[in-house]
Amino acid sequence: MTEKNEFLMQFEKQIENWNTEIKKMEAEWEKAQADAKIQYEESLKQMREERDKAQKKFRELQEASDLAWDDMRKGTEDMWNVMQASFNSALSRFK
């Protein structure tokens, strides 16, 4: 397996984990009181935005040539860390 394929598999697995967390938050949102629903919705919006950014980047990486992949990897790793921190921040408000 190539380094690119390994990286993409890890990237995809993280997106799947985020989808799972979003579904859990949506279930909690359904049970929440009206005032808490606003906070849940704000966090869910942030989580969805980060997930959507990750999915877009994932598609770009899938389509990248091997040469472009080498150039994109470092920037992608940095971006990934920022998105992970933002997602975790939104999630932590309700744990």
C-alpha atoms as a PDB file:
ATOM      1  CA  MET A   1       0.000   0.000   0.000  1.00  0.00           C
ATOM      2  CA  THR A   2       1.354   3.403  -0.894  1.00  0.00           C
ATOM      3  CA  GLU A   3       1.888   6.185   1.585  1.00  0.00           C
ATOM      4  CA  LYS A   4      -0.838   8.182  -0.160  1.00  0.00           C
ATOM      5  CA  ASN A   5      -3.338   5.322   0.119  1.00  0.00           C
ATOM      6  CA  GLU A   6      -2.519   4.831   3.802  1.00  0.00           C
ATOM      7  CA  PHE A   7      -2.991   8.527   4.458  1.00  0.00           C
ATOM      8  CA  LEU A   8      -6.294   8.566   2.574  1.00  0.00           C
ATOM      9  CA  MET A   9      -7.553   5.558   4.531  1.00  0.00           C
ATOM     10  CA  GLN A  10      -6.764   7.310   7.820  1.00  0.00           C
ATOM     11  CA  PHE A  11      -8.386  10.504   6.549  1.00  0.00           C
ATOM     12  CA  GLU A  12     -11.536   8.633   5.521  1.00  0.00           C
ATOM     13  CA  LYS A  13     -11.691   6.796   8.856  1.00  0.00           C
ATOM     14  CA  GLN A  14     -11.557  10.113  10.717  1.00  0.00           C
ATOM     15  CA  ILE A  15     -14.377  11.526   8.600  1.00  0.00           C
ATOM     16  CA  GLU A  16     -16.428   8.413   9.447  1.00  0.00           C
ATOM     17  CA  ASN A  17     -15.677   8.968  13.150  1.00  0.00           C
ATOM     18  CA  TRP A  18     -16.837  12.561  12.841  1.00  0.00           C
ATOM     19  CA  ASN A  19     -20.041  11.419  11.147  1.00  0.00           C
ATOM     20  CA  THR A  20     -20.666   9.076  14.079  1.00  0.00           C
ATOM     21  CA  GLU A  21     -20.108  11.870  16.596  1.00  0.00           C
ATOM     22  CA  ILE A  22     -22.404  14.192  14.655  1.00  0.00           C
ATOM     23  CA  LYS A  23     -25.157  11.558  14.687  1.00  0.00           C
ATOM     24  CA  LYS A  24     -24.765  11.164  18.460  1.00  0.00           C
ATOM     25  CA  MET A  25     -24.989  14.932  18.915  1.00  0.00           C
ATOM     26  CA  GLU A  26     -28.085  15.075  16.714  1.00  0.00           C
ATOM     27  CA  ALA A  27     -29.728  12.447  18.930  1.00  0.00           C
ATOM     28  CA  GLU A  28     -28.855  14.489  22.025  1.00  0.00           C
ATOM     29  CA  TRP A  29     -30.182  17.596  20.319  1.00  0.00           C
ATOM     30  CA  GLU A  30     -33.546  15.861  19.852  1.00  0.00           C
ATOM     31  CA  LYS A  31     -33.772  15.244  23.618  1.00  0.00           C
ATOM     32  CA  ALA A  32     -32.550  18.684  24.727  1.00  0.00           C
ATOM     33  CA  GLN A  33     -34.601  21.511  26.171  1.00  0.00           C
ATOM     34  CA  ALA A  34     -35.266  24.520  23.936  1.00  0.00           C
ATOM     35  CA  ASP A  35     -32.421  26.666  25.311  1.00  0.00           C
ATOM     36  CA  ALA A  36     -29.914  23.825  25.084  1.00  0.00           C
ATOM     37  CA  LYS A  37     -31.003  23.117  21.512  1.00  0.00           C
ATOM     38  CA  ILE A  38     -29.542  26.442  20.424  1.00  0.00           C
ATOM     39  CA  GLN A  39     -26.148  25.502  21.869  1.00  0.00           C
ATOM     40  CA  TYR A  40     -26.321  22.034  20.346  1.00  0.00           C
ATOM     41  CA  GLU A  41     -27.218  23.475  16.962  1.00  0.00           C
ATOM     42  CA  GLU A  42     -24.275  25.891  17.071  1.00  0.00           C
ATOM     43  CA  SER A  43     -21.887  23.059  17.897  1.00  0.00           C
ATOM     44  CA  LEU A  44     -23.425  20.759  15.308  1.00  0.00           C
ATOM     45  CA  LYS A  45     -23.061  23.477  12.689  1.00  0.00           C
ATOM     46  CA  GLN A  46     -19.364  23.868  13.497  1.00  0.00           C
ATOM     47  CA  MET A  47     -18.840  20.095  13.463  1.00  0.00           C
ATOM     48  CA  ARG A  48     -20.618  19.721  10.124  1.00  0.00           C
ATOM     49  CA  GLU A  49     -18.583  22.550   8.597  1.00  0.00           C
ATOM     50  CA  GLU A  50     -15.310  20.914   9.666  1.00  0.00           C
ATOM     51  CA  ARG A  51     -16.482  17.547   8.367  1.00  0.00           C
ATOM     52  CA  ASP A  52     -17.499  19.112   5.050  1.00  0.00           C
ATOM     53  CA  LYS A  53     -14.088  20.777   4.705  1.00  0.00           C
ATOM     54  CA  ALA A  54     -12.428  17.431   5.394  1.00  0.00           C
ATOM     55  CA  GLN A  55     -14.580  15.647   2.804  1.00  0.00           C
ATOM     56  CA  LYS A  56     -13.712  18.278   0.200  1.00  0.00           C
ATOM     57  CA  LYS A  57      -9.999  17.964   0.945  1.00  0.00           C
ATOM     58  CA  PHE A  58     -10.298  14.175   0.866  1.00  0.00           C
ATOM     59  CA  ARG A  59     -11.733  14.329  -2.663  1.00  0.00           C
ATOM     60  CA  GLU A  60      -8.941  16.670  -3.750  1.00  0.00           C
ATOM     61  CA  LEU A  61      -6.329  14.291  -2.365  1.00  0.00           C
ATOM     62  CA  GLN A  62      -7.923  11.290  -4.061  1.00  0.00           C
ATOM     63  CA  GLU A  63      -7.706  13.039  -7.403  1.00  0.00           C
ATOM     64  CA  ALA A  64      -4.182  14.396  -6.919  1.00  0.00           C
ATOM     65  CA  SER A  65      -1.359  12.993  -8.977  1.00  0.00           C
ATOM     66  CA  ASP A  66       1.582  11.455  -7.139  1.00  0.00           C
ATOM     67  CA  LEU A  67       3.644  14.582  -7.744  1.00  0.00           C
ATOM     68  CA  ALA A  68       0.872  16.863  -6.481  1.00  0.00           C
ATOM     69  CA  TRP A  69       0.322  14.525  -3.531  1.00  0.00           C
ATOM     70  CA  ASP A  70       3.864  15.105  -2.311  1.00  0.00           C
ATOM     71  CA  ASP A  71       3.298  18.851  -2.421  1.00  0.00           C
ATOM     72  CA  MET A  72      -0.123  18.664  -0.767  1.00  0.00           C
ATOM     73  CA  ARG A  73       0.733  16.323   2.095  1.00  0.00           C
ATOM     74  CA  LYS A  74       2.318  18.775   4.542  1.00  0.00           C
ATOM     75  CA  GLY A  75      -0.371  21.381   4.061  1.00  0.00           C
ATOM     76  CA  THR A  76      -3.036  18.738   4.467  1.00  0.00           C
ATOM     77  CA  GLU A  77      -1.560  17.479   7.722  1.00  0.00           C
ATOM     78  CA  ASP A  78      -1.456  21.022   9.130  1.00  0.00           C
ATOM     79  CA  MET A  79      -5.022  21.689   7.992  1.00  0.00           C
ATOM     80  CA  TRP A  80      -6.130  18.372   9.461  1.00  0.00           C
ATOM     81  CA  ASN A  81      -4.766  19.289  12.897  1.00  0.00           C
ATOM     82  CA  VAL A  82      -6.648  22.592  12.863  1.00  0.00           C
ATOM     83  CA  MET A  83      -9.899  20.907  11.788  1.00  0.00           C
ATOM     84  CA  GLN A  84      -9.501  18.190  14.441  1.00  0.00           C
ATOM     85  CA  ALA A  85      -9.001  20.798  17.171  1.00  0.00           C
ATOM     86  CA  SER A  86     -12.039  22.768  16.020  1.00  0.00           C
ATOM     87  CA  PHE A  87     -14.205  19.649  15.841  1.00  0.00           C
ATOM     88  CA  ASN A  88     -13.069  18.502  19.300  1.00  0.00           C
ATOM     89  CA  SER A  89     -13.739  21.964  20.716  1.00  0.00           C
ATOM     90  CA  ALA A  90     -17.323  21.870  19.490  1.00  0.00           C
ATOM     91  CA  LEU A  91     -17.796  18.321  20.726  1.00  0.00           C
ATOM     92  CA  SER A  92     -16.307  19.011  24.164  1.00  0.00           C
ATOM     93  CA  ARG A  93     -18.982  21.557  25.001  1.00  0.00           C
ATOM     94  CA  PHE A  94     -21.449  18.719  25.464  1.00  0.00           C
ATOM     95  CA  LYS A  95     -19.413  15.942  27.031  1.00  0.00           C
END
